[in-house]
Amino acid sequence: MSYADKKIPSVKLLNLVVGIWDALMEISHFFRDICFSKLNVDHIEMLETKIIETICKLEMVFPSSFFDSMEHLPVHLPFEVRGGGLVQYRWMYQFERLDIIVAM
């Protein structure tokens, strides 16, 4: 076995690792962008289309046993942001909301 033959599997492994890295970075950037304190409507529309592609990339990288009914829920988050406003006021427990009201 020559040196080039030994190198080919490592290149395939590197491409797989890069695919996993890209998919995980895209999903983390999605959640970072959703949690911004100021959002633009155009940016929310871009997030709606981008999350579908990101979930497809995750489905190509991870086995189907990884996915259940919860994995599709990020698709609904941009719609929720558009309808309900910023997430930091809705993603909290009731007593945390009461602390904000009392502090005001």
N, C-alpha and C. Protein backbone atom coordinates (compact mmCIF):
# COMPACT_ATOMS: atom_id res chain seq x y z
N MET A 1 0.85 -1.17 0.00
CA MET A 1 0.00 0.00 0.00
C MET A 1 0.90 1.24 0.00
N SER A 2 0.66 2.10 -0.94
CA SER A 2 1.49 3.30 -1.06
C SER A 2 1.01 4.39 -0.10
N TYR A 3 1.78 5.44 -0.03
CA TYR A 3 1.44 6.57 0.84
C TYR A 3 0.14 7.23 0.41
N ALA A 4 -0.09 7.34 -0.89
CA ALA A 4 -1.31 7.97 -1.40
C ALA A 4 -2.53 7.14 -1.04
N ASP A 5 -2.40 5.82 -1.04
CA ASP A 5 -3.53 4.96 -0.67
C ASP A 5 -3.88 5.12 0.81
N LYS A 6 -2.88 5.35 1.64
CA LYS A 6 -3.13 5.56 3.07
C LYS A 6 -3.74 6.92 3.34
N LYS A 7 -3.46 7.88 2.48
CA LYS A 7 -3.92 9.24 2.68
C LYS A 7 -5.39 9.42 2.30
N ILE A 8 -5.90 8.65 1.36
CA ILE A 8 -7.28 8.83 0.86
C ILE A 8 -8.32 8.64 1.96
N PRO A 9 -8.26 7.61 2.81
CA PRO A 9 -9.28 7.51 3.86
C PRO A 9 -9.27 8.70 4.83
N SER A 10 -8.10 9.24 5.12
CA SER A 10 -8.06 10.38 6.03
C SER A 10 -8.69 11.61 5.39
N VAL A 11 -8.59 11.76 4.05
CA VAL A 11 -9.23 12.87 3.36
C VAL A 11 -10.74 12.71 3.43
N LYS A 12 -11.23 11.47 3.25
CA LYS A 12 -12.67 11.23 3.35
C LYS A 12 -13.16 11.51 4.77
N LEU A 13 -12.39 11.11 5.76
CA LEU A 13 -12.75 11.38 7.14
C LEU A 13 -12.77 12.88 7.42
N LEU A 14 -11.80 13.60 6.89
CA LEU A 14 -11.75 15.05 7.08
C LEU A 14 -12.97 15.72 6.46
N ASN A 15 -13.38 15.27 5.26
CA ASN A 15 -14.59 15.82 4.64
C ASN A 15 -15.82 15.54 5.48
N LEU A 16 -15.90 14.36 6.09
CA LEU A 16 -17.02 14.03 6.97
C LEU A 16 -17.02 14.93 8.19
N VAL A 17 -15.85 15.14 8.78
CA VAL A 17 -15.75 16.00 9.96
C VAL A 17 -16.14 17.43 9.61
N VAL A 18 -15.71 17.91 8.43
CA VAL A 18 -16.08 19.25 8.00
C VAL A 18 -17.58 19.36 7.79
N GLY A 19 -18.22 18.32 7.24
CA GLY A 19 -19.67 18.32 7.06
C GLY A 19 -20.40 18.38 8.39
N ILE A 20 -19.93 17.62 9.36
CA ILE A 20 -20.54 17.66 10.69
C ILE A 20 -20.34 19.03 11.32
N TRP A 21 -19.13 19.55 11.20
CA TRP A 21 -18.82 20.86 11.77
C TRP A 21 -19.71 21.95 11.16
N ASP A 22 -19.85 21.94 9.85
CA ASP A 22 -20.68 22.95 9.17
C ASP A 22 -22.13 22.87 9.63
N ALA A 23 -22.67 21.66 9.72
CA ALA A 23 -24.07 21.51 10.13
C ALA A 23 -24.28 21.98 11.56
N LEU A 24 -23.37 21.62 12.45
CA LEU A 24 -23.51 22.03 13.85
C LEU A 24 -23.31 23.54 14.02
N MET A 25 -22.40 24.11 13.26
CA MET A 25 -22.18 25.56 13.34
C MET A 25 -23.40 26.31 12.81
N GLU A 26 -24.02 25.81 11.76
CA GLU A 26 -25.20 26.48 11.22
C GLU A 26 -26.36 26.45 12.21
N ILE A 27 -26.55 25.34 12.89
CA ILE A 27 -27.65 25.27 13.86
C ILE A 27 -27.35 26.16 15.07
N SER A 28 -26.08 26.25 15.47
CA SER A 28 -25.75 27.13 16.59
C SER A 28 -25.88 28.60 16.20
N HIS A 29 -25.52 28.94 14.97
CA HIS A 29 -25.70 30.32 14.49
C HIS A 29 -27.18 30.67 14.39
N PHE A 30 -28.00 29.69 14.04
CA PHE A 30 -29.45 29.93 13.98
C PHE A 30 -29.98 30.32 15.35
N PHE A 31 -29.62 29.55 16.38
CA PHE A 31 -30.11 29.86 17.73
C PHE A 31 -29.52 31.17 18.25
N ARG A 32 -28.29 31.47 17.89
CA ARG A 32 -27.70 32.74 18.27
C ARG A 32 -28.48 33.89 17.63
N ASP A 33 -28.79 33.76 16.35
CA ASP A 33 -29.51 34.82 15.65
C ASP A 33 -30.93 34.98 16.16
N ILE A 34 -31.58 33.88 16.50
CA ILE A 34 -32.95 33.95 17.03
C ILE A 34 -32.98 34.70 18.37
N CYS A 35 -31.92 34.58 19.15
CA CYS A 35 -31.89 35.18 20.49
C CYS A 35 -31.31 36.59 20.52
N PHE A 36 -31.10 37.22 19.36
CA PHE A 36 -30.64 38.61 19.34
C PHE A 36 -31.65 39.51 20.05
N SER A 37 -31.16 40.61 20.60
CA SER A 37 -32.07 41.55 21.27
C SER A 37 -32.78 42.47 20.28
N LYS A 38 -32.26 42.59 19.06
CA LYS A 38 -32.91 43.36 18.00
C LYS A 38 -32.90 42.53 16.73
N LEU A 39 -34.08 42.36 16.13
CA LEU A 39 -34.19 41.55 14.93
C LEU A 39 -34.83 42.34 13.81
N ASN A 40 -34.38 42.08 12.60
CA ASN A 40 -34.92 42.68 11.40
C ASN A 40 -35.85 41.67 10.74
N VAL A 41 -36.95 42.12 10.16
CA VAL A 41 -37.90 41.22 9.53
C VAL A 41 -37.26 40.46 8.37
N ASP A 42 -36.41 41.12 7.61
CA ASP A 42 -35.73 40.45 6.50
C ASP A 42 -34.81 39.34 7.01
N HIS A 43 -34.18 39.58 8.13
CA HIS A 43 -33.29 38.58 8.72
C HIS A 43 -34.10 37.36 9.21
N ILE A 44 -35.28 37.59 9.74
CA ILE A 44 -36.14 36.49 10.19
C ILE A 44 -36.56 35.64 8.99
N GLU A 45 -36.90 36.29 7.88
CA GLU A 45 -37.28 35.54 6.68
C GLU A 45 -36.10 34.71 6.17
N MET A 46 -34.90 35.25 6.25
CA MET A 46 -33.72 34.51 5.84
C MET A 46 -33.49 33.30 6.77
N LEU A 47 -33.74 33.49 8.06
CA LEU A 47 -33.60 32.39 9.00
C LEU A 47 -34.60 31.27 8.71
N GLU A 48 -35.81 31.64 8.28
CA GLU A 48 -36.83 30.64 7.97
C GLU A 48 -36.38 29.71 6.85
N THR A 49 -35.76 30.26 5.83
CA THR A 49 -35.31 29.42 4.72
C THR A 49 -34.02 28.68 5.06
N LYS A 50 -33.17 29.31 5.84
CA LYS A 50 -31.86 28.72 6.14
C LYS A 50 -31.98 27.53 7.10
N ILE A 51 -32.93 27.57 8.02
CA ILE A 51 -33.05 26.48 9.00
C ILE A 51 -33.49 25.19 8.32
N ILE A 52 -34.27 25.30 7.25
CA ILE A 52 -34.69 24.09 6.53
C ILE A 52 -33.47 23.42 5.90
N GLU A 53 -32.61 24.21 5.29
CA GLU A 53 -31.39 23.66 4.70
C GLU A 53 -30.47 23.07 5.77
N THR A 54 -30.41 23.72 6.92
CA THR A 54 -29.55 23.24 8.01
C THR A 54 -30.04 21.90 8.54
N ILE A 55 -31.34 21.75 8.70
CA ILE A 55 -31.88 20.48 9.19
C ILE A 55 -31.64 19.38 8.16
N CYS A 56 -31.74 19.71 6.88
CA CYS A 56 -31.43 18.72 5.84
C CYS A 56 -29.97 18.29 5.92
N LYS A 57 -29.06 19.23 6.19
CA LYS A 57 -27.65 18.88 6.35
C LYS A 57 -27.44 17.98 7.56
N LEU A 58 -28.16 18.28 8.64
CA LEU A 58 -28.05 17.43 9.82
C LEU A 58 -28.56 16.02 9.53
N GLU A 59 -29.63 15.92 8.73
CA GLU A 59 -30.16 14.60 8.38
C GLU A 59 -29.21 13.82 7.48
N MET A 60 -28.41 14.52 6.69
CA MET A 60 -27.43 13.83 5.84
C MET A 60 -26.24 13.35 6.67
N VAL A 61 -25.92 14.03 7.76
CA VAL A 61 -24.74 13.69 8.55
C VAL A 61 -25.05 12.65 9.61
N PHE A 62 -26.13 12.83 10.34
CA PHE A 62 -26.45 11.94 11.46
C PHE A 62 -27.41 10.85 11.02
N PRO A 63 -27.40 9.71 11.71
CA PRO A 63 -28.31 8.62 11.33
C PRO A 63 -29.76 8.98 11.64
N SER A 64 -30.65 8.27 10.99
CA SER A 64 -32.08 8.58 11.14
C SER A 64 -32.59 8.30 12.56
N SER A 65 -31.91 7.44 13.30
CA SER A 65 -32.32 7.16 14.68
C SER A 65 -32.10 8.37 15.59
N PHE A 66 -31.28 9.31 15.16
CA PHE A 66 -31.03 10.53 15.94
C PHE A 66 -32.25 11.44 15.93
N PHE A 67 -33.02 11.41 14.86
CA PHE A 67 -34.12 12.36 14.68
C PHE A 67 -35.43 11.78 15.19
N ASP A 68 -36.14 12.59 15.93
CA ASP A 68 -37.48 12.26 16.36
C ASP A 68 -38.37 13.47 16.07
N SER A 69 -39.52 13.51 16.69
CA SER A 69 -40.45 14.61 16.38
C SER A 69 -39.95 15.96 16.88
N MET A 70 -39.01 15.99 17.81
CA MET A 70 -38.52 17.26 18.36
C MET A 70 -37.54 17.96 17.43
N GLU A 71 -36.92 17.25 16.51
CA GLU A 71 -35.86 17.84 15.69
C GLU A 71 -36.39 18.81 14.65
N HIS A 72 -37.69 18.78 14.38
CA HIS A 72 -38.24 19.71 13.38
C HIS A 72 -38.72 21.01 14.01
N LEU A 73 -38.73 21.13 15.31
CA LEU A 73 -39.28 22.31 15.99
C LEU A 73 -38.54 23.62 15.70
N PRO A 74 -37.22 23.63 15.46
CA PRO A 74 -36.59 24.92 15.10
C PRO A 74 -37.16 25.57 13.85
N VAL A 75 -37.83 24.79 13.00
CA VAL A 75 -38.45 25.35 11.80
C VAL A 75 -39.53 26.36 12.20
N HIS A 76 -40.19 26.15 13.33
CA HIS A 76 -41.29 27.01 13.76
C HIS A 76 -40.83 28.24 14.54
N LEU A 77 -39.59 28.28 14.97
CA LEU A 77 -39.12 29.39 15.81
C LEU A 77 -39.13 30.74 15.11
N PRO A 78 -38.71 30.87 13.85
CA PRO A 78 -38.79 32.20 13.22
C PRO A 78 -40.23 32.72 13.12
N PHE A 79 -41.19 31.83 12.86
CA PHE A 79 -42.59 32.24 12.83
C PHE A 79 -43.04 32.71 14.21
N GLU A 80 -42.57 32.02 15.25
CA GLU A 80 -42.90 32.41 16.62
C GLU A 80 -42.31 33.77 16.96
N VAL A 81 -41.10 34.03 16.50
CA VAL A 81 -40.46 35.32 16.75
C VAL A 81 -41.22 36.43 16.03
N ARG A 82 -41.64 36.15 14.81
CA ARG A 82 -42.37 37.16 14.04
C ARG A 82 -43.72 37.48 14.70
N GLY A 83 -44.36 36.47 15.23
CA GLY A 83 -45.68 36.67 15.84
C GLY A 83 -45.64 37.16 17.27
N GLY A 84 -44.65 36.72 18.04
CA GLY A 84 -44.64 37.02 19.46
C GLY A 84 -43.60 38.00 19.92
N GLY A 85 -42.67 38.36 19.07
CA GLY A 85 -41.63 39.30 19.48
C GLY A 85 -40.37 38.59 19.94
N LEU A 86 -39.53 39.32 20.63
CA LEU A 86 -38.23 38.80 21.04
C LEU A 86 -38.38 37.63 21.99
N VAL A 87 -37.46 36.66 21.88
CA VAL A 87 -37.61 35.42 22.63
C VAL A 87 -37.17 35.54 24.08
N GLN A 88 -36.31 36.49 24.40
CA GLN A 88 -35.83 36.53 25.78
C GLN A 88 -36.93 36.89 26.77
N TYR A 89 -38.05 37.43 26.30
CA TYR A 89 -39.18 37.73 27.19
C TYR A 89 -40.19 36.60 27.23
N ARG A 90 -40.05 35.62 26.36
CA ARG A 90 -40.98 34.50 26.35
C ARG A 90 -40.34 33.20 26.78
N TRP A 91 -39.02 33.06 26.66
CA TRP A 91 -38.35 31.83 27.03
C TRP A 91 -37.89 31.91 28.49
N MET A 92 -38.79 32.13 29.38
CA MET A 92 -38.44 32.17 30.80
C MET A 92 -39.59 31.60 31.61
N TYR A 93 -39.29 31.23 32.83
CA TYR A 93 -40.32 30.70 33.71
C TYR A 93 -41.20 31.84 34.23
N GLN A 94 -42.36 31.46 34.73
CA GLN A 94 -43.32 32.46 35.19
C GLN A 94 -42.75 33.34 36.31
N PHE A 95 -42.03 32.74 37.24
CA PHE A 95 -41.50 33.54 38.34
C PHE A 95 -40.42 34.51 37.87
N GLU A 96 -39.72 34.18 36.78
CA GLU A 96 -38.76 35.13 36.23
C GLU A 96 -39.46 36.33 35.61
N ARG A 97 -40.59 36.09 34.97
CA ARG A 97 -41.37 37.19 34.41
C ARG A 97 -41.89 38.09 35.53
N LEU A 98 -42.32 37.48 36.61
CA LEU A 98 -42.83 38.27 37.74
C LEU A 98 -41.72 39.11 38.35
N ASP A 99 -40.49 38.61 38.38
CA ASP A 99 -39.37 39.40 38.89
C ASP A 99 -39.15 40.65 38.05
N ILE A 100 -39.32 40.51 36.72
CA ILE A 100 -39.15 41.67 35.84
C ILE A 100 -40.25 42.69 36.10
N ILE A 101 -41.49 42.21 36.26
CA ILE A 101 -42.61 43.11 36.51
C ILE A 101 -42.45 43.82 37.85
N VAL A 102 -42.03 43.11 38.88
CA VAL A 102 -41.85 43.70 40.21
C VAL A 102 -40.72 44.71 40.19
N ALA A 103 -39.64 44.40 39.45
CA ALA A 103 -38.49 45.29 39.40
C ALA A 103 -38.82 46.60 38.67
N MET A 104 -39.78 46.57 37.77
CA MET A 104 -40.15 47.79 37.04
C MET A 104 -40.99 48.62 37.92
